[in-house]
């Protein structure tokens, strides 16, 4: 297996696994750094079940069946519709990699593109959207304020730069990437989060963002915003997948009408190796990745799978099926974060 470069800040590591992650030893915020987090287990030995389902359909009708989930949306508290499935761009390099991936995702049918200032690829994401055949108003674009920016003016200036890089007049969702700067656990950022979010409120009121929110915020961080700001966040984007307990945060969000988005739906790839997930996938004639993605949709959240390969982009969208209650309970019973840090470092 060939090794891949893993870049974080100015450091470059080498990894011989197909999975890697951004990790600060003093932080709880982890994100996938894998350009292709769907490894071999994301490909079935046979797609006979899907073929059986599509007997009698012509090519166009098959594509319509495959892409149905990409057309479905949830509605945020302010009436803005957000696609149930988004396309994540974390660790897709600025330049042709990001440009081609986003352009292909749009061709496949994805209508939510998730990027961030910290990803360093906003310019290519914006160029791909502009060069696509999809009208701008039909693409839901999310970006994120860098985690270390904790002041009003800094947030306003950073947002202006995001608009410039994306080459757009507005953004659909703009969120604070994390409640603390990466690697600075224990730092008191309550006041800084209030000030940064105040900038987002003004951006929203100026109609430069159709919705605003936060990411990686736990209950205590959300309470701080609710107490000191005017607009309840429309969205909280969190790491949520089979095996990790986010019930406290999700319950609080629902009590306050804050919509939940889930990143890392495959648990940075390790969930694809889970025997229970594999067995349920076989039962449904699906791949483990499709089960992981569908699980989150059954929970009523949107999610952001990622791949740079067209066939897997399509595969990740083929989740127009139901997981019965008994199997959902089986998946719910999987305990423990599936990510195995000792195998990464």
Protein backbone atom coordinates (compact mmCIF):
# COMPACT_ATOMS: atom_id res chain seq x y z
CA UNK A 1 0.00 0.00 0.00
CA UNK A 2 1.46 3.33 -1.01
CA UNK A 3 1.84 6.00 1.63
CA UNK A 4 0.07 9.34 1.52
CA UNK A 5 1.03 12.80 2.65
CA UNK A 6 -0.85 14.14 5.64
CA UNK A 7 -0.54 17.90 6.02
CA UNK A 8 -1.55 19.80 9.11
CA UNK A 9 -0.57 23.41 9.52
CA UNK A 10 3.08 23.46 8.40
CA UNK A 11 3.94 19.93 9.40
CA UNK A 12 4.00 17.01 6.97
CA UNK A 13 3.68 13.44 8.17
CA UNK A 14 3.72 10.16 6.34
CA UNK A 15 1.09 7.51 6.85
CA UNK A 16 0.94 4.01 5.40
CA UNK A 17 -2.76 3.60 6.20
CA UNK A 18 -5.55 4.75 3.91
CA UNK A 19 -6.99 6.72 6.81
CA UNK A 20 -5.61 9.65 8.72
CA UNK A 21 -6.89 12.52 10.82
CA UNK A 22 -6.19 15.94 12.10
CA UNK A 23 -5.15 15.53 15.70
CA UNK A 24 -3.86 17.74 18.46
CA UNK A 25 -3.00 15.76 21.55
CA UNK A 26 -4.78 18.30 23.72
CA UNK A 27 -7.97 18.67 21.70
CA UNK A 28 -11.22 16.78 21.35
CA UNK A 29 -11.92 18.07 17.86
CA UNK A 30 -10.91 15.53 15.23
CA UNK A 31 -11.58 15.59 11.53
CA UNK A 32 -10.92 13.20 8.73
CA UNK A 33 -7.81 14.00 6.70
CA UNK A 34 -8.31 11.22 4.22
CA UNK A 35 -8.70 12.15 0.61
CA UNK A 36 -10.56 8.91 0.04
CA UNK A 37 -12.09 7.72 3.28
CA UNK A 38 -14.05 5.01 1.49
CA UNK A 39 -11.53 2.16 1.32
CA UNK A 40 -12.03 -1.28 -0.17
CA UNK A 41 -14.86 -2.16 2.22
CA UNK A 42 -16.91 0.59 0.61
CA UNK A 43 -17.10 -1.46 -2.55
CA UNK A 44 -19.38 -4.52 -2.58
CA UNK A 45 -18.24 -7.79 -4.09
CA UNK A 46 -21.37 -7.65 -6.15
CA UNK A 47 -23.94 -4.99 -6.99
CA UNK A 48 -26.45 -7.61 -8.04
CA UNK A 49 -29.08 -6.34 -5.59
CA UNK A 50 -28.98 -2.84 -7.05
CA UNK A 51 -29.07 -4.29 -10.54
CA UNK A 52 -32.09 -6.41 -9.67
CA UNK A 53 -33.83 -3.33 -8.31
CA UNK A 54 -33.23 -1.47 -11.56
CA UNK A 55 -34.22 -4.14 -14.09
CA UNK A 56 -36.42 -2.51 -16.73
CA UNK A 57 -35.12 1.00 -16.13
CA UNK A 58 -33.30 2.87 -18.85
CA UNK A 59 -30.09 4.77 -18.09
CA UNK A 60 -31.82 8.05 -17.28
CA UNK A 61 -34.30 6.37 -14.98
CA UNK A 62 -31.49 4.54 -13.17
CA UNK A 63 -29.73 7.84 -12.55
CA UNK A 64 -32.99 9.31 -11.23
CA UNK A 65 -33.32 6.45 -8.74
CA UNK A 66 -29.69 6.75 -7.64
CA UNK A 67 -29.87 10.51 -7.14
CA UNK A 68 -33.24 10.78 -5.42
CA UNK A 69 -31.70 11.40 -2.00
CA UNK A 70 -29.61 14.25 -3.39
CA UNK A 71 -32.82 16.16 -4.09
CA UNK A 72 -34.29 15.79 -0.60
CA UNK A 73 -33.93 18.53 1.99
CA UNK A 74 -34.55 19.45 5.61
CA UNK A 75 -35.91 22.87 6.56
CA UNK A 76 -34.05 25.08 9.02
CA UNK A 77 -35.82 27.16 11.63
CA UNK A 78 -35.79 30.25 9.36
CA UNK A 79 -37.34 28.38 6.42
CA UNK A 80 -34.10 27.83 4.49
CA UNK A 81 -33.86 24.36 2.97
CA UNK A 82 -30.64 22.36 3.43
CA UNK A 83 -29.92 19.17 1.44
CA UNK A 84 -29.98 15.94 3.43
CA UNK A 85 -26.73 14.86 1.81
CA UNK A 86 -23.80 17.19 1.35
CA UNK A 87 -20.38 16.83 -0.23
CA UNK A 88 -17.44 17.38 2.12
CA UNK A 89 -14.15 18.85 0.87
CA UNK A 90 -11.90 18.45 3.93
CA UNK A 91 -8.34 17.62 2.86
CA UNK A 92 -9.06 17.85 -0.84
CA UNK A 93 -6.15 19.97 -1.97
CA UNK A 94 -6.57 23.47 -3.39
CA UNK A 95 -6.14 23.43 -7.15
CA UNK A 96 -7.21 20.79 -9.63
CA UNK A 97 -7.99 18.19 -6.95
CA UNK A 98 -10.63 20.34 -5.27
CA UNK A 99 -11.86 21.80 -8.54
CA UNK A 100 -12.38 18.42 -10.19
CA UNK A 101 -13.92 16.81 -7.11
CA UNK A 102 -16.50 19.57 -6.61
CA UNK A 103 -17.30 19.82 -10.31
CA UNK A 104 -17.82 16.05 -10.47
CA UNK A 105 -19.95 16.07 -7.31
CA UNK A 106 -22.20 18.71 -8.86
CA UNK A 107 -22.46 16.65 -12.06
CA UNK A 108 -23.46 13.63 -9.98
CA UNK A 109 -26.21 15.67 -8.35
CA UNK A 110 -24.88 16.92 -5.02
CA UNK A 111 -26.29 20.33 -4.19
CA UNK A 112 -24.59 21.03 -0.87
CA UNK A 113 -20.86 21.76 -0.96
CA UNK A 114 -19.14 22.06 2.43
CA UNK A 115 -15.82 23.88 2.68
CA UNK A 116 -14.00 26.00 5.27
CA UNK A 117 -11.41 28.73 5.53
CA UNK A 118 -9.15 26.26 7.27
CA UNK A 119 -9.39 23.76 4.41
CA UNK A 120 -7.54 26.15 2.13
CA UNK A 121 -9.60 25.21 -0.92
CA UNK A 122 -12.35 27.84 -1.07
CA UNK A 123 -10.99 29.37 -4.29
CA UNK A 124 -11.12 26.07 -6.20
CA UNK A 125 -14.51 25.23 -4.71
CA UNK A 126 -15.89 28.56 -5.90
CA UNK A 127 -14.35 28.16 -9.36
CA UNK A 128 -15.88 24.68 -9.74
CA UNK A 129 -19.32 25.95 -8.75
CA UNK A 130 -19.02 28.85 -11.19
CA UNK A 131 -17.86 26.61 -14.04
CA UNK A 132 -20.56 24.00 -13.46
CA UNK A 133 -23.84 23.91 -15.32
CA UNK A 134 -25.70 24.33 -12.04
CA UNK A 135 -27.10 27.80 -11.25
CA UNK A 136 -25.58 29.33 -8.12
CA UNK A 137 -28.97 29.58 -6.40
CA UNK A 138 -29.36 25.80 -6.65
CA UNK A 139 -26.12 25.08 -4.75
CA UNK A 140 -26.12 25.25 -0.96
CA UNK A 141 -22.63 26.45 0.00
CA UNK A 142 -21.26 26.16 3.54
CA UNK A 143 -18.02 27.62 4.82
CA UNK A 144 -16.56 28.05 8.29
CA UNK A 145 -14.80 30.76 10.24
CA UNK A 146 -11.33 29.63 11.29
CA UNK A 147 -11.32 28.35 14.86
CA UNK A 148 -8.73 30.82 16.16
CA UNK A 149 -10.68 33.93 15.11
CA UNK A 150 -12.49 35.08 18.24
CA UNK A 151 -13.26 38.76 17.66
CA UNK A 152 -15.88 40.75 15.81
CA UNK A 153 -13.69 42.58 13.30
CA UNK A 154 -11.59 39.53 12.58
CA UNK A 155 -14.70 37.51 11.81
CA UNK A 156 -16.13 40.18 9.51
CA UNK A 157 -12.85 40.49 7.62
CA UNK A 158 -12.47 36.73 7.31
CA UNK A 159 -16.01 36.41 5.94
CA UNK A 160 -15.30 39.06 3.31
CA UNK A 161 -12.25 37.07 2.22
CA UNK A 162 -14.36 33.90 2.01
CA UNK A 163 -16.83 35.63 -0.32
CA UNK A 164 -13.92 36.82 -2.44
CA UNK A 165 -12.31 33.38 -2.66
CA UNK A 166 -15.62 31.66 -3.42
CA UNK A 167 -16.40 34.43 -5.93
CA UNK A 168 -19.97 34.80 -4.71
CA UNK A 169 -22.14 37.60 -3.32
CA UNK A 170 -23.55 35.49 -0.51
CA UNK A 171 -23.13 32.20 1.28
CA UNK A 172 -25.88 29.79 2.29
CA UNK A 173 -24.43 28.80 5.67
CA UNK A 174 -21.54 30.34 7.58
CA UNK A 175 -20.50 28.77 10.88
CA UNK A 176 -17.82 29.09 13.55
CA UNK A 177 -15.55 26.08 13.00
CA UNK A 178 -14.91 25.30 16.67
CA UNK A 179 -15.47 26.85 20.12
CA UNK A 180 -11.72 26.83 20.82
CA UNK A 181 -8.62 27.27 18.66
CA UNK A 182 -7.29 23.87 17.61
CA UNK A 183 -4.99 22.51 20.28
CA UNK A 184 -5.86 25.02 22.99
CA UNK A 185 -8.11 23.03 25.28
CA UNK A 186 -8.95 24.81 28.50
CA UNK A 187 -8.73 28.27 27.01
CA UNK A 188 -11.63 30.54 27.97
CA UNK A 189 -13.15 31.63 24.66
CA UNK A 190 -16.67 32.43 25.84
CA UNK A 191 -16.33 36.15 25.20
CA UNK A 192 -14.53 35.57 21.91
CA UNK A 193 -17.24 33.22 20.68
CA UNK A 194 -19.91 35.77 21.55
CA UNK A 195 -18.05 38.48 19.61
CA UNK A 196 -17.34 36.26 16.60
CA UNK A 197 -20.95 35.10 16.52
CA UNK A 198 -22.12 38.73 16.79
CA UNK A 199 -20.30 39.31 13.51
CA UNK A 200 -22.16 36.34 12.00
CA UNK A 201 -25.44 37.84 13.19
CA UNK A 202 -24.66 41.10 11.38
CA UNK A 203 -23.65 39.14 8.27
CA UNK A 204 -26.97 37.30 8.42
CA UNK A 205 -28.98 40.49 8.99
CA UNK A 206 -27.21 42.03 5.98
CA UNK A 207 -28.42 39.04 3.93
CA UNK A 208 -24.87 37.98 3.09
CA UNK A 209 -25.55 34.57 4.67
CA UNK A 210 -28.86 32.76 4.44
CA UNK A 211 -28.17 30.91 7.70
CA UNK A 212 -25.52 30.96 10.43
CA UNK A 213 -24.35 28.57 13.08
CA UNK A 214 -21.53 26.78 14.80
CA UNK A 215 -19.53 23.57 14.63
CA UNK A 216 -18.16 21.26 17.32
CA UNK A 217 -20.08 23.19 20.00
CA UNK A 218 -21.04 21.24 23.09
CA UNK A 219 -23.96 22.18 25.35
CA UNK A 220 -21.94 24.62 27.47
CA UNK A 221 -20.70 26.44 24.37
CA UNK A 222 -24.21 26.66 22.95
CA UNK A 223 -25.59 27.95 26.25
CA UNK A 224 -23.08 30.78 26.13
CA UNK A 225 -24.30 31.84 22.68
CA UNK A 226 -27.98 31.56 23.62
CA UNK A 227 -27.41 33.66 26.73
CA UNK A 228 -25.38 36.44 25.11
CA UNK A 229 -26.44 36.66 21.46
CA UNK A 230 -29.66 37.51 19.68
CA UNK A 231 -30.00 34.81 17.01
CA UNK A 232 -30.18 31.15 17.96
CA UNK A 233 -27.75 29.24 15.69
CA UNK A 234 -29.54 27.63 12.81
CA UNK A 235 -27.04 24.75 12.65
CA UNK A 236 -24.51 22.90 14.79
CA UNK A 237 -22.21 20.70 12.71
CA UNK A 238 -20.68 17.94 14.85
CA UNK A 239 -18.77 14.69 14.56
CA UNK A 240 -21.56 12.12 14.72
CA UNK A 241 -21.55 8.51 13.60
CA UNK A 242 -22.35 4.98 14.76
CA UNK A 243 -20.71 4.25 18.12
CA UNK A 244 -20.27 7.82 19.38
CA UNK A 245 -22.73 9.23 21.90
CA UNK A 246 -23.79 12.77 20.99
CA UNK A 247 -27.20 12.49 22.67
CA UNK A 248 -26.68 15.37 25.12
CA UNK A 249 -25.68 17.81 22.40
CA UNK A 250 -28.34 16.59 19.97
CA UNK A 251 -31.10 16.72 22.60
CA UNK A 252 -30.11 20.27 23.55
CA UNK A 253 -30.03 21.31 19.89
CA UNK A 254 -33.49 19.91 19.26
CA UNK A 255 -34.89 21.55 22.39
CA UNK A 256 -33.67 24.86 20.99
CA UNK A 257 -34.49 24.22 17.32
CA UNK A 258 -30.86 24.04 16.25
CA UNK A 259 -30.44 21.71 13.28
CA UNK A 260 -27.69 19.07 13.52
CA UNK A 261 -25.30 18.20 10.72
CA UNK A 262 -23.01 15.17 11.02
CA UNK A 263 -19.47 15.08 9.68
CA UNK A 264 -17.28 11.96 9.52
CA UNK A 265 -20.26 9.63 8.88
CA UNK A 266 -17.88 6.68 8.42
CA UNK A 267 -15.95 7.27 11.65
CA UNK A 268 -12.84 8.17 9.57
CA UNK A 269 -13.18 4.81 7.86
CA UNK A 270 -12.98 2.48 10.85
CA UNK A 271 -16.74 1.85 10.89
CA UNK A 272 -16.43 0.11 7.54
CA UNK A 273 -14.52 -2.64 9.34
CA UNK A 274 -17.17 -3.15 12.01
CA UNK A 275 -18.59 -6.67 11.79
CA UNK A 276 -22.09 -5.63 12.84
CA UNK A 277 -22.19 -2.88 10.21
CA UNK A 278 -20.90 -5.32 7.60
CA UNK A 279 -23.54 -7.93 8.46
CA UNK A 280 -26.37 -5.41 8.26
CA UNK A 281 -24.98 -4.14 4.96
CA UNK A 282 -25.10 -7.68 3.54
CA UNK A 283 -28.67 -8.07 4.77
CA UNK A 284 -29.76 -4.99 2.81
CA UNK A 285 -27.56 -5.62 -0.22
CA UNK A 286 -25.74 -2.36 0.51
CA UNK A 287 -22.20 -1.35 1.40
CA UNK A 288 -21.08 -0.57 4.96
CA UNK A 289 -20.68 3.08 3.94
CA UNK A 290 -24.29 3.24 2.74
CA UNK A 291 -25.48 1.79 6.05
CA UNK A 292 -23.46 4.39 7.99
CA UNK A 293 -24.88 7.22 5.91
CA UNK A 294 -28.45 5.93 6.01
CA UNK A 295 -28.21 5.48 9.79
CA UNK A 296 -27.69 9.23 10.19
CA UNK A 297 -30.56 10.07 7.85
CA UNK A 298 -32.79 7.82 9.95
CA UNK A 299 -31.72 9.96 12.93
CA UNK A 300 -33.01 13.08 11.17
CA UNK A 301 -29.67 14.79 10.59
CA UNK A 302 -27.88 15.72 7.39
CA UNK A 303 -24.44 14.33 6.69
CA UNK A 304 -21.34 15.04 4.62
CA UNK A 305 -19.72 12.01 2.99
CA UNK A 306 -16.64 12.64 0.88
CA UNK A 307 -14.79 10.96 -1.96
CA UNK A 308 -12.73 12.14 -4.90
CA UNK A 309 -14.00 9.24 -7.04
CA UNK A 310 -17.19 9.62 -9.07
CA UNK A 311 -18.33 6.03 -8.59
CA UNK A 312 -18.13 6.40 -4.82
CA UNK A 313 -19.84 9.78 -4.89
CA UNK A 314 -22.72 8.03 -6.63
CA UNK A 315 -22.56 5.06 -4.27
CA UNK A 316 -22.70 7.33 -1.22
CA UNK A 317 -25.87 8.89 -2.61
CA UNK A 318 -27.61 5.54 -3.13
CA UNK A 319 -29.24 5.56 0.28
CA UNK A 320 -32.91 5.71 -0.64
CA UNK A 321 -33.89 2.80 1.59
CA UNK A 322 -35.05 2.29 5.16
CA UNK A 323 -33.29 0.57 8.05
CA UNK A 324 -35.93 -1.20 10.14
CA UNK A 325 -36.23 -0.37 13.84
CA UNK A 326 -34.70 -3.65 15.00
CA UNK A 327 -31.56 -3.04 12.93
CA UNK A 328 -31.36 0.60 14.07
CA UNK A 329 -31.39 -0.68 17.67
CA UNK A 330 -28.58 -3.08 16.79
CA UNK A 331 -26.55 -0.21 15.38
CA UNK A 332 -27.41 1.95 18.38
CA UNK A 333 -26.01 -0.77 20.63
CA UNK A 334 -22.54 -0.40 19.12
CA UNK A 335 -20.59 1.37 21.84
CA UNK A 336 -17.35 3.28 21.78
CA UNK A 337 -15.63 5.64 19.40
CA UNK A 338 -14.54 3.43 16.47
CA UNK A 339 -11.52 5.59 15.76
CA UNK A 340 -8.32 3.84 16.88
CA UNK A 341 -5.71 6.50 17.46
CA UNK A 342 -2.90 4.06 18.27
CA UNK A 343 -3.11 2.63 14.76
CA UNK A 344 -2.71 6.06 13.22
CA UNK A 345 0.33 7.28 15.11
